[in-house]
Amino acid sequence: QLHFVESGGGWVQPGGSLRLSCVASGSTLEHYAVGWFRQVPGKGREGVSCIDSRGGSKKYHNSVKGRFTISRDNEKNAVYLRMNDLQPEDTAVYHCAALMPGYYCSGDMTEAHFDGWGQGTQVTVSS
């Protein structure tokens, strides 16, 4: 069973950049689509981006289009999220998870379709 560890979060000023990493263990990641979600206190997880198993299809939440880029390296069992022009509303704990078989990456990412949640990595954007 896949299990993820996220890293790369931190504090940045508005307009700054971060690169998040999501490394999988327990199984080979190459057969799975992977999604990034974010969560703020008191709210459910919000889908940010999703990448298919080969990296050919990428989907983004409207709020991050043009600023965030998802990528993957199946040899390293890893998925990345490059975040540019970060804004205070991007502040959240960011999680990654694998899309369960039978589902496809879409702009409407349903949390229940994903599994293997890690602890997440905190991203704080403030001046």
Foldseek 3Di string as FASTA:
>chain_A
DKAWDKDWADEDAQQAKIKMKIAIDDDQQLQWKKWKWWDDPPDDTHTAKIAGSVRPDIEGAPVQPPFKDKDDDRVRRMIMIIGGRDDQVVWGFMWMFTFAPPDDDDNHDDPVRTDNIDPGHTHGYHD
